[in-house]
Amino acid sequence: MTTISEAVILMAGQGSRLRGSDSTFLKPFVPVLGRPLILYTLDVLIRARIKTVNFVVGYESGRMIEQVKKLIPTGLSVSFIENRDWQKQNGMSVACLILLIPITSTSQWTGNSILFSIWKMR
């Protein structure tokens, strides 16, 4: 059995349904019980012994990356992949990921990576 060590978090969308009319709001940082929502996902990944997290970003990518970096725990390797077509469905974020991360076969993809959390909402 192959150990899963890598995760993908799709967070390229605006989060407009959650955000409402506040255009400065970034969905992964909404406070839930006093903590940014994204921290709950990162906690679960750390407990699952994930070593690398690939964030697919799009909307406000500069701000998103800056804020996520502040929350990354020590020992967790991260990369940020920009989806320039973030206005489209989640499939575009997955396509960006597949194009940028070396994947040699379907079995390697399913054995070493997980699609853990989908943050894109229209």
N, C-alpha and C. Protein backbone atom coordinates (compact mmCIF):
# COMPACT_ATOMS: atom_id res chain seq x y z
N MET A 1 0.85 -1.19 0.00
CA MET A 1 0.00 0.00 0.00
C MET A 1 0.89 1.24 0.00
N THR A 2 0.57 2.20 -0.86
CA THR A 2 1.31 3.44 -0.96
C THR A 2 0.80 4.43 0.07
N THR A 3 1.72 5.09 0.75
CA THR A 3 1.35 6.11 1.72
C THR A 3 1.05 7.41 1.00
N ILE A 4 -0.06 8.02 1.34
CA ILE A 4 -0.41 9.32 0.76
C ILE A 4 0.35 10.40 1.51
N SER A 5 1.11 11.20 0.78
CA SER A 5 1.93 12.22 1.42
C SER A 5 1.68 13.63 0.87
N GLU A 6 0.82 13.75 -0.10
CA GLU A 6 0.62 15.01 -0.79
C GLU A 6 -0.88 15.29 -0.92
N ALA A 7 -1.23 16.55 -0.76
CA ALA A 7 -2.64 16.95 -0.86
C ALA A 7 -2.80 18.13 -1.79
N VAL A 8 -4.01 18.30 -2.27
CA VAL A 8 -4.37 19.41 -3.14
C VAL A 8 -5.56 20.12 -2.52
N ILE A 9 -5.48 21.45 -2.47
CA ILE A 9 -6.62 22.24 -2.01
C ILE A 9 -6.96 23.23 -3.12
N LEU A 10 -8.16 23.10 -3.65
CA LEU A 10 -8.64 24.03 -4.68
C LEU A 10 -9.30 25.20 -3.99
N MET A 11 -8.71 26.39 -4.16
CA MET A 11 -9.29 27.58 -3.54
C MET A 11 -9.14 28.78 -4.47
N ALA A 12 -9.55 28.57 -5.73
CA ALA A 12 -9.35 29.60 -6.75
C ALA A 12 -10.53 30.55 -6.90
N GLY A 13 -11.69 30.18 -6.40
CA GLY A 13 -12.88 31.00 -6.65
C GLY A 13 -13.05 32.17 -5.70
N GLN A 14 -14.07 32.96 -5.97
CA GLN A 14 -14.35 34.16 -5.18
C GLN A 14 -14.98 33.86 -3.83
N GLY A 15 -15.71 32.79 -3.72
CA GLY A 15 -16.43 32.52 -2.48
C GLY A 15 -17.59 33.48 -2.29
N SER A 16 -18.19 33.91 -3.39
CA SER A 16 -19.22 34.95 -3.33
C SER A 16 -20.46 34.53 -2.53
N ARG A 17 -20.82 33.27 -2.54
CA ARG A 17 -22.01 32.85 -1.78
C ARG A 17 -21.76 32.96 -0.28
N LEU A 18 -20.55 32.70 0.14
CA LEU A 18 -20.21 32.80 1.55
C LEU A 18 -19.89 34.24 1.94
N ARG A 19 -19.28 34.96 1.03
CA ARG A 19 -18.79 36.31 1.27
C ARG A 19 -19.90 37.34 1.31
N GLY A 20 -20.94 37.16 0.54
CA GLY A 20 -21.99 38.17 0.44
C GLY A 20 -21.51 39.38 -0.33
N SER A 21 -21.78 40.56 0.17
CA SER A 21 -21.45 41.78 -0.57
C SER A 21 -20.05 42.32 -0.23
N ASP A 22 -19.35 41.73 0.69
CA ASP A 22 -18.02 42.21 1.08
C ASP A 22 -16.98 41.70 0.09
N SER A 23 -16.56 42.55 -0.84
CA SER A 23 -15.63 42.11 -1.89
C SER A 23 -14.19 41.97 -1.40
N THR A 24 -13.89 42.40 -0.17
CA THR A 24 -12.54 42.26 0.35
C THR A 24 -12.33 40.92 1.06
N PHE A 25 -13.39 40.19 1.24
CA PHE A 25 -13.38 38.93 1.99
C PHE A 25 -12.77 37.78 1.19
N LEU A 26 -11.88 37.01 1.81
CA LEU A 26 -11.35 35.79 1.19
C LEU A 26 -11.88 34.59 1.97
N LYS A 27 -12.58 33.74 1.29
CA LYS A 27 -13.31 32.64 1.92
C LYS A 27 -12.48 31.75 2.87
N PRO A 28 -11.27 31.33 2.51
CA PRO A 28 -10.55 30.43 3.42
C PRO A 28 -10.22 31.04 4.78
N PHE A 29 -10.40 32.36 4.92
CA PHE A 29 -10.02 33.02 6.15
C PHE A 29 -11.21 33.46 6.99
N VAL A 30 -12.40 33.03 6.59
CA VAL A 30 -13.58 33.33 7.40
C VAL A 30 -13.38 32.68 8.77
N PRO A 31 -13.64 33.40 9.85
CA PRO A 31 -13.46 32.81 11.17
C PRO A 31 -14.59 31.82 11.51
N VAL A 32 -14.18 30.66 11.96
CA VAL A 32 -15.11 29.64 12.44
C VAL A 32 -14.63 29.25 13.83
N LEU A 33 -15.45 29.52 14.83
CA LEU A 33 -15.07 29.28 16.22
C LEU A 33 -13.73 29.94 16.55
N GLY A 34 -13.53 31.15 16.01
CA GLY A 34 -12.35 31.93 16.33
C GLY A 34 -11.09 31.62 15.55
N ARG A 35 -11.18 30.72 14.58
CA ARG A 35 -10.01 30.35 13.77
C ARG A 35 -10.36 30.45 12.30
N PRO A 36 -9.37 30.81 11.44
CA PRO A 36 -9.65 30.83 10.01
C PRO A 36 -10.03 29.43 9.51
N LEU A 37 -11.01 29.37 8.66
CA LEU A 37 -11.53 28.11 8.14
C LEU A 37 -10.42 27.20 7.59
N ILE A 38 -9.45 27.76 6.88
CA ILE A 38 -8.38 26.96 6.27
C ILE A 38 -7.55 26.22 7.32
N LEU A 39 -7.46 26.74 8.54
CA LEU A 39 -6.67 26.06 9.57
C LEU A 39 -7.23 24.69 9.93
N TYR A 40 -8.55 24.53 9.85
CA TYR A 40 -9.14 23.23 10.14
C TYR A 40 -8.68 22.19 9.11
N THR A 41 -8.62 22.60 7.86
CA THR A 41 -8.14 21.71 6.81
C THR A 41 -6.67 21.38 7.01
N LEU A 42 -5.87 22.37 7.29
CA LEU A 42 -4.43 22.14 7.52
C LEU A 42 -4.21 21.22 8.73
N ASP A 43 -4.98 21.40 9.79
CA ASP A 43 -4.86 20.52 10.96
C ASP A 43 -5.10 19.07 10.60
N VAL A 44 -6.15 18.82 9.82
CA VAL A 44 -6.47 17.45 9.42
C VAL A 44 -5.35 16.87 8.56
N LEU A 45 -4.81 17.67 7.66
CA LEU A 45 -3.72 17.20 6.79
C LEU A 45 -2.49 16.85 7.61
N ILE A 46 -2.15 17.66 8.60
CA ILE A 46 -1.00 17.38 9.46
C ILE A 46 -1.23 16.08 10.24
N ARG A 47 -2.43 15.91 10.79
CA ARG A 47 -2.74 14.67 11.53
C ARG A 47 -2.69 13.45 10.62
N ALA A 48 -2.98 13.65 9.33
CA ALA A 48 -2.92 12.55 8.36
C ALA A 48 -1.50 12.34 7.83
N ARG A 49 -0.54 13.06 8.37
CA ARG A 49 0.88 12.96 8.00
C ARG A 49 1.16 13.37 6.55
N ILE A 50 0.39 14.32 6.07
CA ILE A 50 0.64 14.89 4.75
C ILE A 50 1.88 15.76 4.86
N LYS A 51 2.76 15.64 3.89
CA LYS A 51 4.03 16.39 3.90
C LYS A 51 4.01 17.59 2.95
N THR A 52 3.22 17.52 1.88
CA THR A 52 3.19 18.57 0.86
C THR A 52 1.75 18.92 0.54
N VAL A 53 1.47 20.22 0.48
CA VAL A 53 0.14 20.69 0.09
C VAL A 53 0.30 21.62 -1.11
N ASN A 54 -0.46 21.34 -2.15
CA ASN A 54 -0.49 22.17 -3.36
C ASN A 54 -1.79 22.97 -3.35
N PHE A 55 -1.68 24.28 -3.26
CA PHE A 55 -2.84 25.15 -3.26
C PHE A 55 -3.06 25.68 -4.67
N VAL A 56 -4.24 25.48 -5.23
CA VAL A 56 -4.57 26.07 -6.52
C VAL A 56 -5.35 27.34 -6.20
N VAL A 57 -4.77 28.49 -6.59
CA VAL A 57 -5.36 29.79 -6.29
C VAL A 57 -5.73 30.50 -7.58
N GLY A 58 -6.58 31.49 -7.47
CA GLY A 58 -6.99 32.25 -8.65
C GLY A 58 -7.42 33.65 -8.26
N TYR A 59 -8.65 33.77 -7.76
CA TYR A 59 -9.19 35.06 -7.35
C TYR A 59 -8.29 35.66 -6.26
N GLU A 60 -7.85 36.91 -6.47
CA GLU A 60 -7.00 37.60 -5.49
C GLU A 60 -5.81 36.72 -5.08
N SER A 61 -5.17 36.08 -6.05
CA SER A 61 -4.12 35.10 -5.74
C SER A 61 -2.98 35.67 -4.91
N GLY A 62 -2.58 36.90 -5.16
CA GLY A 62 -1.50 37.51 -4.38
C GLY A 62 -1.84 37.60 -2.90
N ARG A 63 -3.02 38.13 -2.61
CA ARG A 63 -3.48 38.22 -1.21
C ARG A 63 -3.66 36.85 -0.59
N MET A 64 -4.22 35.93 -1.39
CA MET A 64 -4.46 34.58 -0.89
C MET A 64 -3.14 33.91 -0.47
N ILE A 65 -2.16 33.97 -1.36
CA ILE A 65 -0.86 33.34 -1.08
C ILE A 65 -0.23 33.97 0.16
N GLU A 66 -0.23 35.29 0.22
CA GLU A 66 0.36 36.00 1.35
C GLU A 66 -0.26 35.56 2.68
N GLN A 67 -1.59 35.46 2.71
CA GLN A 67 -2.27 35.10 3.95
C GLN A 67 -2.10 33.62 4.29
N VAL A 68 -2.11 32.75 3.29
CA VAL A 68 -1.93 31.31 3.55
C VAL A 68 -0.54 31.06 4.11
N LYS A 69 0.47 31.70 3.55
CA LYS A 69 1.86 31.49 3.99
C LYS A 69 2.01 31.77 5.48
N LYS A 70 1.28 32.72 6.00
CA LYS A 70 1.36 33.06 7.42
C LYS A 70 0.84 31.93 8.32
N LEU A 71 0.04 31.04 7.76
CA LEU A 71 -0.61 29.99 8.55
C LEU A 71 0.03 28.62 8.40
N ILE A 72 1.03 28.48 7.53
CA ILE A 72 1.62 27.17 7.25
C ILE A 72 2.46 26.72 8.44
N PRO A 73 2.15 25.55 8.99
CA PRO A 73 2.94 25.05 10.12
C PRO A 73 4.34 24.60 9.68
N THR A 74 5.26 24.65 10.60
CA THR A 74 6.63 24.21 10.34
C THR A 74 6.63 22.76 9.88
N GLY A 75 7.44 22.47 8.89
CA GLY A 75 7.57 21.10 8.41
C GLY A 75 6.64 20.74 7.26
N LEU A 76 5.72 21.61 6.95
CA LEU A 76 4.80 21.35 5.84
C LEU A 76 5.31 22.08 4.60
N SER A 77 5.53 21.34 3.54
CA SER A 77 5.98 21.92 2.27
C SER A 77 4.75 22.33 1.47
N VAL A 78 4.79 23.52 0.89
CA VAL A 78 3.64 24.00 0.13
C VAL A 78 4.08 24.55 -1.23
N SER A 79 3.16 24.50 -2.17
CA SER A 79 3.35 25.18 -3.44
C SER A 79 2.03 25.83 -3.81
N PHE A 80 2.12 26.87 -4.62
CA PHE A 80 0.95 27.60 -5.07
C PHE A 80 0.91 27.56 -6.58
N ILE A 81 -0.22 27.15 -7.11
CA ILE A 81 -0.41 27.03 -8.55
C ILE A 81 -1.54 27.98 -8.92
N GLU A 82 -1.26 28.87 -9.87
CA GLU A 82 -2.27 29.86 -10.23
C GLU A 82 -3.16 29.36 -11.36
N ASN A 83 -4.44 29.43 -11.13
CA ASN A 83 -5.44 29.12 -12.15
C ASN A 83 -5.94 30.46 -12.69
N ARG A 84 -5.45 30.82 -13.87
CA ARG A 84 -5.85 32.10 -14.46
C ARG A 84 -7.29 32.08 -14.96
N ASP A 85 -7.87 30.88 -15.10
CA ASP A 85 -9.27 30.73 -15.52
C ASP A 85 -10.15 30.41 -14.32
N TRP A 86 -9.88 31.04 -13.19
CA TRP A 86 -10.57 30.72 -11.95
C TRP A 86 -12.08 30.97 -12.01
N GLN A 87 -12.55 31.80 -12.95
CA GLN A 87 -13.98 32.08 -13.05
C GLN A 87 -14.76 30.87 -13.55
N LYS A 88 -14.06 29.92 -14.16
CA LYS A 88 -14.72 28.72 -14.70
C LYS A 88 -14.86 27.67 -13.60
N GLN A 89 -15.44 26.54 -13.92
CA GLN A 89 -15.70 25.48 -12.95
C GLN A 89 -14.41 24.89 -12.39
N ASN A 90 -14.53 24.10 -11.30
CA ASN A 90 -13.39 23.49 -10.62
C ASN A 90 -12.51 22.67 -11.55
N GLY A 91 -13.07 22.13 -12.61
CA GLY A 91 -12.28 21.33 -13.54
C GLY A 91 -11.08 22.09 -14.09
N MET A 92 -11.20 23.41 -14.22
CA MET A 92 -10.07 24.23 -14.70
C MET A 92 -8.95 24.25 -13.67
N SER A 93 -9.29 24.28 -12.39
CA SER A 93 -8.27 24.24 -11.34
C SER A 93 -7.56 22.90 -11.34
N VAL A 94 -8.30 21.84 -11.53
CA VAL A 94 -7.69 20.50 -11.59
C VAL A 94 -6.78 20.42 -12.82
N ALA A 95 -7.21 20.98 -13.94
CA ALA A 95 -6.39 20.97 -15.16
C ALA A 95 -5.08 21.72 -14.93
N CYS A 96 -5.11 22.86 -14.25
CA CYS A 96 -3.89 23.61 -13.94
C CYS A 96 -2.94 22.75 -13.12
N LEU A 97 -3.49 22.06 -12.17
CA LEU A 97 -2.69 21.21 -11.30
C LEU A 97 -2.03 20.09 -12.09
N ILE A 98 -2.80 19.41 -12.90
CA ILE A 98 -2.28 18.29 -13.68
C ILE A 98 -1.20 18.75 -14.64
N LEU A 99 -1.34 19.94 -15.20
CA LEU A 99 -0.34 20.45 -16.13
C LEU A 99 0.97 20.82 -15.45
N LEU A 100 0.92 21.19 -14.17
CA LEU A 100 2.11 21.70 -13.50
C LEU A 100 2.80 20.72 -12.57
N ILE A 101 2.12 19.69 -12.14
CA ILE A 101 2.74 18.70 -11.25
C ILE A 101 3.05 17.47 -12.07
N PRO A 102 4.31 17.00 -12.01
CA PRO A 102 4.66 15.83 -12.81
C PRO A 102 3.89 14.58 -12.35
N ILE A 103 3.12 14.05 -13.25
CA ILE A 103 2.34 12.84 -12.98
C ILE A 103 2.63 11.87 -14.11
N THR A 104 3.11 10.68 -13.78
CA THR A 104 3.50 9.75 -14.82
C THR A 104 2.42 8.72 -15.14
N SER A 105 1.51 8.50 -14.20
CA SER A 105 0.45 7.53 -14.46
C SER A 105 -0.71 7.77 -13.51
N THR A 106 -1.85 7.23 -13.85
CA THR A 106 -3.03 7.35 -12.98
C THR A 106 -2.76 6.74 -11.62
N SER A 107 -2.07 5.61 -11.58
CA SER A 107 -1.82 4.97 -10.29
C SER A 107 -0.91 5.83 -9.41
N GLN A 108 0.03 6.53 -10.03
CA GLN A 108 0.88 7.41 -9.23
C GLN A 108 0.05 8.56 -8.67
N TRP A 109 -0.83 9.11 -9.50
CA TRP A 109 -1.69 10.21 -9.05
C TRP A 109 -2.56 9.79 -7.87
N THR A 110 -3.22 8.66 -7.99
CA THR A 110 -4.13 8.25 -6.93
C THR A 110 -3.37 7.72 -5.72
N GLY A 111 -2.14 7.25 -5.92
CA GLY A 111 -1.38 6.71 -4.80
C GLY A 111 -0.69 7.75 -3.97
N ASN A 112 -0.30 8.87 -4.56
CA ASN A 112 0.51 9.83 -3.83
C ASN A 112 -0.17 11.17 -3.57
N SER A 113 -1.33 11.39 -4.10
CA SER A 113 -2.00 12.67 -3.91
C SER A 113 -3.45 12.45 -3.56
N ILE A 114 -4.00 13.42 -2.89
CA ILE A 114 -5.43 13.39 -2.62
C ILE A 114 -6.03 14.74 -2.96
N LEU A 115 -7.22 14.72 -3.45
CA LEU A 115 -7.98 15.95 -3.65
C LEU A 115 -8.77 16.14 -2.37
N PHE A 116 -8.30 17.01 -1.52
CA PHE A 116 -8.81 17.04 -0.15
C PHE A 116 -9.93 18.02 0.08
N SER A 117 -9.80 19.21 -0.45
CA SER A 117 -10.78 20.22 -0.11
C SER A 117 -11.03 21.10 -1.32
N ILE A 118 -12.27 21.37 -1.61
CA ILE A 118 -12.61 22.23 -2.74
C ILE A 118 -13.17 23.54 -2.18
N TRP A 119 -12.42 24.61 -2.40
CA TRP A 119 -12.79 25.91 -1.88
C TRP A 119 -13.50 26.77 -2.90
N LYS A 120 -13.53 26.33 -4.14
CA LYS A 120 -14.11 27.19 -5.18
C LYS A 120 -15.62 27.16 -5.11
N MET A 121 -16.20 28.31 -4.98
CA MET A 121 -17.65 28.45 -4.99
C MET A 121 -17.98 29.63 -5.90
N ARG A 122 -19.07 29.55 -6.60
CA ARG A 122 -19.48 30.69 -7.43
C ARG A 122 -20.51 31.50 -6.70
